[in-house]
Amino acid sequence: MNKIKFELEIPVHASPQMLYQYISSPSNLQEWFADKVNSRGKLYSFIWDGEEEKAELITKKSDDRIRFKWLESEGDDSFFEIKIEVDALTKDVSLIITDFADDEEEVEASKQLWENQIDELRHTIGA
């Protein structure tokens, strides 16, 4: 079954360097993204409500982006990525979230979940 790719652009009032720390380090991800985050090399485990999901770190580019591939979705091209984008003119900073969902209904639920997570990030960093 093909997954549906979607993107969200969410403005965040913070420096790209600070944001990068919060999207790339397990201890900082744990503050806003998941209840607990552990990493061993390129393997990360994210725990929500006692449920563990494992992902492989695919791309990590300093002050720019981080991309993970869920281990449970080995048979497809899906991933999730958090990219920091700075507008060349206004210098406004946004997070570009790229993710995949199984169907249209799940796309909306996933977008809402990401928006809630980024709200938590904003609250954590005071942005």
N, C-alpha and C. Protein backbone atom coordinates (compact mmCIF):
# COMPACT_ATOMS: atom_id res chain seq x y z
N MET A 1 0.84 -1.19 0.00
CA MET A 1 0.00 0.00 0.00
C MET A 1 0.89 1.25 0.00
N ASN A 2 0.58 2.19 -0.86
CA ASN A 2 1.34 3.43 -0.93
C ASN A 2 0.91 4.38 0.17
N LYS A 3 1.88 5.02 0.77
CA LYS A 3 1.59 6.00 1.81
C LYS A 3 1.47 7.38 1.17
N ILE A 4 0.78 8.26 1.87
CA ILE A 4 0.57 9.62 1.38
C ILE A 4 1.58 10.54 2.07
N LYS A 5 2.37 11.22 1.26
CA LYS A 5 3.36 12.16 1.78
C LYS A 5 2.70 13.50 2.03
N PHE A 6 3.03 14.12 3.18
CA PHE A 6 2.51 15.46 3.44
C PHE A 6 3.58 16.32 4.09
N GLU A 7 3.40 17.64 3.95
CA GLU A 7 4.34 18.60 4.54
C GLU A 7 3.58 19.65 5.32
N LEU A 8 4.20 20.09 6.38
CA LEU A 8 3.67 21.18 7.19
C LEU A 8 4.76 22.23 7.34
N GLU A 9 4.40 23.50 7.29
CA GLU A 9 5.36 24.56 7.57
C GLU A 9 4.84 25.32 8.78
N ILE A 10 5.65 25.32 9.84
CA ILE A 10 5.22 25.92 11.09
C ILE A 10 6.26 26.96 11.53
N PRO A 11 5.85 28.24 11.60
CA PRO A 11 6.79 29.28 12.05
C PRO A 11 7.18 29.08 13.51
N VAL A 12 8.45 29.28 13.81
CA VAL A 12 8.94 29.19 15.19
C VAL A 12 9.91 30.36 15.40
N HIS A 13 9.67 31.13 16.44
CA HIS A 13 10.53 32.29 16.73
C HIS A 13 11.72 31.84 17.58
N ALA A 14 12.73 31.32 16.91
CA ALA A 14 13.95 30.86 17.59
C ALA A 14 15.07 30.79 16.56
N SER A 15 16.29 30.78 17.04
CA SER A 15 17.43 30.72 16.11
C SER A 15 17.56 29.30 15.55
N PRO A 16 18.03 29.18 14.30
CA PRO A 16 18.22 27.85 13.71
C PRO A 16 19.15 26.97 14.57
N GLN A 17 20.17 27.57 15.16
CA GLN A 17 21.11 26.80 15.97
C GLN A 17 20.42 26.21 17.20
N MET A 18 19.58 27.02 17.85
CA MET A 18 18.86 26.52 19.02
C MET A 18 17.87 25.43 18.61
N LEU A 19 17.12 25.68 17.54
CA LEU A 19 16.15 24.69 17.07
C LEU A 19 16.84 23.37 16.74
N TYR A 20 17.99 23.46 16.10
CA TYR A 20 18.69 22.24 15.72
C TYR A 20 19.01 21.37 16.95
N GLN A 21 19.40 22.02 18.04
CA GLN A 21 19.67 21.27 19.27
C GLN A 21 18.42 20.51 19.73
N TYR A 22 17.25 21.14 19.56
CA TYR A 22 16.01 20.53 20.02
C TYR A 22 15.45 19.46 19.08
N ILE A 23 15.90 19.45 17.83
CA ILE A 23 15.41 18.41 16.91
C ILE A 23 16.42 17.28 16.74
N SER A 24 17.64 17.45 17.25
CA SER A 24 18.67 16.46 16.95
C SER A 24 19.20 15.70 18.17
N SER A 25 19.08 16.25 19.35
CA SER A 25 19.64 15.56 20.50
C SER A 25 18.56 14.77 21.23
N PRO A 26 18.84 13.51 21.59
CA PRO A 26 17.84 12.69 22.28
C PRO A 26 17.28 13.35 23.54
N SER A 27 18.14 13.98 24.34
CA SER A 27 17.65 14.59 25.58
C SER A 27 16.72 15.77 25.29
N ASN A 28 17.01 16.54 24.24
CA ASN A 28 16.13 17.65 23.88
C ASN A 28 14.85 17.17 23.19
N LEU A 29 14.94 16.13 22.36
CA LEU A 29 13.74 15.55 21.74
C LEU A 29 12.78 15.06 22.83
N GLN A 30 13.37 14.55 23.90
CA GLN A 30 12.58 14.03 25.01
C GLN A 30 11.78 15.14 25.71
N GLU A 31 12.22 16.37 25.59
CA GLU A 31 11.52 17.48 26.23
C GLU A 31 10.22 17.87 25.52
N TRP A 32 10.10 17.52 24.22
CA TRP A 32 8.91 17.97 23.49
C TRP A 32 8.31 16.93 22.55
N PHE A 33 9.10 15.98 22.08
CA PHE A 33 8.63 15.09 21.02
C PHE A 33 8.08 13.77 21.55
N ALA A 34 8.77 13.17 22.51
CA ALA A 34 8.36 11.87 23.04
C ALA A 34 8.59 11.86 24.54
N ASP A 35 7.98 10.89 25.23
CA ASP A 35 8.16 10.78 26.68
C ASP A 35 9.61 10.44 27.02
N LYS A 36 10.20 9.58 26.20
CA LYS A 36 11.59 9.18 26.41
C LYS A 36 12.23 8.91 25.05
N VAL A 37 13.49 9.32 24.89
CA VAL A 37 14.22 9.10 23.63
C VAL A 37 15.60 8.56 23.98
N ASN A 38 15.95 7.44 23.39
CA ASN A 38 17.27 6.85 23.56
C ASN A 38 17.90 6.67 22.19
N SER A 39 19.24 6.73 22.15
CA SER A 39 19.90 6.47 20.87
C SER A 39 21.14 5.63 21.09
N ARG A 40 21.37 4.73 20.15
CA ARG A 40 22.60 3.95 20.08
C ARG A 40 23.07 4.06 18.65
N GLY A 41 24.06 4.91 18.44
CA GLY A 41 24.52 5.13 17.07
C GLY A 41 23.40 5.74 16.26
N LYS A 42 23.03 5.07 15.16
CA LYS A 42 21.97 5.59 14.28
C LYS A 42 20.58 5.08 14.66
N LEU A 43 20.50 4.21 15.68
CA LEU A 43 19.21 3.66 16.08
C LEU A 43 18.64 4.46 17.26
N TYR A 44 17.44 4.99 17.05
CA TYR A 44 16.76 5.77 18.09
C TYR A 44 15.52 5.01 18.53
N SER A 45 15.21 5.07 19.81
CA SER A 45 13.93 4.55 20.27
C SER A 45 13.16 5.69 20.92
N PHE A 46 11.91 5.83 20.48
CA PHE A 46 11.01 6.86 20.96
C PHE A 46 9.92 6.16 21.76
N ILE A 47 9.64 6.64 22.96
CA ILE A 47 8.64 5.99 23.80
C ILE A 47 7.54 6.99 24.14
N TRP A 48 6.30 6.59 23.83
CA TRP A 48 5.11 7.36 24.16
C TRP A 48 4.18 6.45 24.96
N ASP A 49 3.72 6.89 26.09
CA ASP A 49 2.78 6.11 26.92
C ASP A 49 3.21 4.65 27.07
N GLY A 50 4.51 4.43 27.26
CA GLY A 50 5.01 3.07 27.46
C GLY A 50 5.21 2.26 26.18
N GLU A 51 4.78 2.80 25.03
CA GLU A 51 4.94 2.11 23.75
C GLU A 51 6.20 2.59 23.06
N GLU A 52 7.03 1.65 22.62
CA GLU A 52 8.30 2.01 21.99
C GLU A 52 8.22 1.89 20.47
N GLU A 53 8.71 2.90 19.79
CA GLU A 53 8.83 2.89 18.33
C GLU A 53 10.31 3.12 18.03
N LYS A 54 10.86 2.32 17.11
CA LYS A 54 12.27 2.48 16.77
C LYS A 54 12.41 3.08 15.38
N ALA A 55 13.44 3.93 15.25
CA ALA A 55 13.69 4.59 13.97
C ALA A 55 15.20 4.65 13.74
N GLU A 56 15.56 4.63 12.46
CA GLU A 56 16.97 4.78 12.09
C GLU A 56 17.20 6.21 11.65
N LEU A 57 18.29 6.80 12.13
CA LEU A 57 18.68 8.13 11.70
C LEU A 57 19.25 8.02 10.29
N ILE A 58 18.62 8.72 9.34
CA ILE A 58 19.06 8.62 7.94
C ILE A 58 19.92 9.81 7.55
N THR A 59 19.49 11.02 7.93
CA THR A 59 20.21 12.24 7.58
C THR A 59 20.27 13.15 8.79
N LYS A 60 21.43 13.73 9.01
CA LYS A 60 21.59 14.72 10.08
C LYS A 60 22.54 15.77 9.54
N LYS A 61 22.01 16.96 9.27
CA LYS A 61 22.83 18.04 8.74
C LYS A 61 22.75 19.21 9.71
N SER A 62 23.89 19.59 10.25
CA SER A 62 23.95 20.58 11.31
C SER A 62 23.22 21.88 10.97
N ASP A 63 22.39 22.35 11.91
CA ASP A 63 21.59 23.57 11.80
C ASP A 63 20.64 23.56 10.60
N ASP A 64 20.34 22.37 10.05
CA ASP A 64 19.50 22.31 8.86
C ASP A 64 18.35 21.31 8.98
N ARG A 65 18.66 20.03 9.18
CA ARG A 65 17.60 19.02 9.16
C ARG A 65 18.02 17.73 9.85
N ILE A 66 16.98 16.94 10.15
CA ILE A 66 17.19 15.59 10.65
C ILE A 66 16.10 14.72 10.05
N ARG A 67 16.46 13.52 9.61
CA ARG A 67 15.50 12.61 8.96
C ARG A 67 15.62 11.23 9.57
N PHE A 68 14.47 10.65 9.89
CA PHE A 68 14.39 9.30 10.45
C PHE A 68 13.53 8.39 9.59
N LYS A 69 13.81 7.11 9.67
CA LYS A 69 13.01 6.08 9.01
C LYS A 69 12.52 5.12 10.09
N TRP A 70 11.20 4.99 10.24
CA TRP A 70 10.66 4.04 11.21
C TRP A 70 11.04 2.62 10.79
N LEU A 71 11.53 1.82 11.72
CA LEU A 71 11.92 0.45 11.39
C LEU A 71 10.73 -0.38 10.94
N GLU A 72 9.55 -0.10 11.47
CA GLU A 72 8.36 -0.87 11.10
C GLU A 72 7.93 -0.61 9.65
N SER A 73 8.46 0.43 9.02
CA SER A 73 8.07 0.74 7.63
C SER A 73 9.22 0.47 6.66
N GLU A 74 9.93 -0.63 6.90
CA GLU A 74 11.08 -1.01 6.07
C GLU A 74 10.72 -1.19 4.59
N GLY A 75 9.51 -1.67 4.31
CA GLY A 75 9.15 -2.02 2.94
C GLY A 75 8.70 -0.86 2.07
N ASP A 76 8.78 0.37 2.55
CA ASP A 76 8.34 1.50 1.73
C ASP A 76 9.36 2.64 1.80
N ASP A 77 9.06 3.73 1.12
CA ASP A 77 9.99 4.86 1.05
C ASP A 77 9.68 5.95 2.07
N SER A 78 8.84 5.65 3.04
CA SER A 78 8.42 6.69 3.99
C SER A 78 9.54 7.03 4.97
N PHE A 79 9.42 8.23 5.54
CA PHE A 79 10.37 8.74 6.53
C PHE A 79 9.67 9.89 7.23
N PHE A 80 10.31 10.44 8.26
CA PHE A 80 9.85 11.73 8.76
C PHE A 80 11.06 12.62 8.93
N GLU A 81 10.87 13.87 8.53
CA GLU A 81 11.97 14.83 8.52
C GLU A 81 11.52 16.13 9.17
N ILE A 82 12.43 16.71 9.93
CA ILE A 82 12.22 18.04 10.50
C ILE A 82 13.34 18.91 9.93
N LYS A 83 12.94 19.91 9.15
CA LYS A 83 13.92 20.78 8.48
C LYS A 83 13.72 22.21 8.97
N ILE A 84 14.83 22.88 9.20
CA ILE A 84 14.80 24.28 9.61
C ILE A 84 14.97 25.14 8.36
N GLU A 85 14.03 26.06 8.16
CA GLU A 85 14.11 26.92 6.98
C GLU A 85 14.09 28.39 7.43
N VAL A 86 15.00 29.17 6.86
CA VAL A 86 15.08 30.60 7.18
C VAL A 86 14.75 31.38 5.91
N ASP A 87 13.74 32.23 5.99
CA ASP A 87 13.37 33.05 4.84
C ASP A 87 14.50 34.03 4.54
N ALA A 88 14.94 34.07 3.29
CA ALA A 88 16.09 34.90 2.89
C ALA A 88 15.83 36.39 3.11
N LEU A 89 14.59 36.84 2.91
CA LEU A 89 14.28 38.26 3.06
C LEU A 89 13.95 38.66 4.49
N THR A 90 13.01 37.94 5.08
CA THR A 90 12.50 38.35 6.40
C THR A 90 13.28 37.74 7.56
N LYS A 91 14.09 36.72 7.26
CA LYS A 91 14.83 35.97 8.29
C LYS A 91 13.91 35.22 9.24
N ASP A 92 12.62 35.08 8.87
CA ASP A 92 11.69 34.29 9.68
C ASP A 92 12.12 32.82 9.64
N VAL A 93 12.00 32.15 10.76
CA VAL A 93 12.40 30.75 10.88
C VAL A 93 11.16 29.88 10.95
N SER A 94 11.16 28.81 10.16
CA SER A 94 10.06 27.85 10.18
C SER A 94 10.62 26.44 10.26
N LEU A 95 9.81 25.54 10.79
CA LEU A 95 10.13 24.12 10.72
C LEU A 95 9.28 23.53 9.61
N ILE A 96 9.92 22.81 8.71
CA ILE A 96 9.21 22.11 7.65
C ILE A 96 9.17 20.64 8.05
N ILE A 97 7.98 20.14 8.29
CA ILE A 97 7.80 18.75 8.69
C ILE A 97 7.36 17.96 7.47
N THR A 98 8.08 16.90 7.16
CA THR A 98 7.67 15.98 6.09
C THR A 98 7.42 14.64 6.74
N ASP A 99 6.25 14.07 6.46
CA ASP A 99 5.89 12.78 7.06
C ASP A 99 4.98 12.04 6.08
N PHE A 100 4.62 10.83 6.44
CA PHE A 100 3.78 9.99 5.60
C PHE A 100 2.65 9.42 6.44
N ALA A 101 1.50 9.18 5.80
CA ALA A 101 0.35 8.59 6.47
C ALA A 101 -0.26 7.53 5.55
N ASP A 102 -1.03 6.62 6.13
CA ASP A 102 -1.63 5.52 5.36
C ASP A 102 -2.79 5.97 4.49
N ASP A 103 -3.57 6.96 4.95
CA ASP A 103 -4.73 7.42 4.18
C ASP A 103 -5.02 8.88 4.52
N GLU A 104 -5.99 9.48 3.81
CA GLU A 104 -6.31 10.90 3.99
C GLU A 104 -6.72 11.23 5.43
N GLU A 105 -7.49 10.32 6.04
CA GLU A 105 -7.94 10.53 7.42
C GLU A 105 -6.73 10.63 8.36
N GLU A 106 -5.77 9.74 8.14
CA GLU A 106 -4.57 9.73 8.97
C GLU A 106 -3.69 10.96 8.71
N VAL A 107 -3.73 11.50 7.49
CA VAL A 107 -2.97 12.71 7.18
C VAL A 107 -3.42 13.83 8.11
N GLU A 108 -4.72 14.03 8.23
CA GLU A 108 -5.25 15.10 9.08
C GLU A 108 -4.89 14.88 10.54
N ALA A 109 -5.02 13.65 11.01
CA ALA A 109 -4.67 13.34 12.41
C ALA A 109 -3.18 13.55 12.65
N SER A 110 -2.36 13.16 11.70
CA SER A 110 -0.91 13.32 11.83
C SER A 110 -0.51 14.79 11.83
N LYS A 111 -1.15 15.59 10.97
CA LYS A 111 -0.86 17.03 10.93
C LYS A 111 -1.19 17.65 12.29
N GLN A 112 -2.33 17.27 12.85
CA GLN A 112 -2.74 17.80 14.15
C GLN A 112 -1.74 17.40 15.23
N LEU A 113 -1.29 16.16 15.18
CA LEU A 113 -0.31 15.67 16.15
C LEU A 113 0.99 16.47 16.04
N TRP A 114 1.47 16.69 14.80
CA TRP A 114 2.69 17.48 14.61
C TRP A 114 2.52 18.90 15.13
N GLU A 115 1.37 19.52 14.85
CA GLU A 115 1.13 20.89 15.32
C GLU A 115 1.16 20.94 16.85
N ASN A 116 0.57 19.93 17.48
CA ASN A 116 0.59 19.87 18.94
C ASN A 116 2.02 19.69 19.46
N GLN A 117 2.80 18.84 18.79
CA GLN A 117 4.19 18.61 19.21
C GLN A 117 5.01 19.90 19.06
N ILE A 118 4.83 20.62 17.96
CA ILE A 118 5.59 21.85 17.74
C ILE A 118 5.15 22.92 18.73
N ASP A 119 3.86 22.93 19.10
CA ASP A 119 3.41 23.84 20.16
C ASP A 119 4.14 23.54 21.46
N GLU A 120 4.33 22.26 21.74
CA GLU A 120 5.06 21.84 22.93
C GLU A 120 6.52 22.30 22.85
N LEU A 121 7.10 22.20 21.65
CA LEU A 121 8.47 22.68 21.43
C LEU A 121 8.56 24.18 21.69
N ARG A 122 7.61 24.93 21.12
CA ARG A 122 7.60 26.39 21.32
C ARG A 122 7.52 26.72 22.81
N HIS A 123 6.66 26.02 23.51
CA HIS A 123 6.50 26.24 24.96
C HIS A 123 7.81 25.92 25.69
N THR A 124 8.46 24.82 25.30
CA THR A 124 9.71 24.38 25.94
C THR A 124 10.81 25.42 25.77
N ILE A 125 10.92 26.00 24.57
CA ILE A 125 12.02 26.94 24.32
C ILE A 125 11.60 28.40 24.53
N GLY A 126 10.33 28.61 24.88
CA GLY A 126 9.85 29.97 25.13
C GLY A 126 9.74 30.80 23.87
N ALA A 127 9.38 30.17 22.76
CA ALA A 127 9.29 30.89 21.48
C ALA A 127 7.86 31.32 21.20
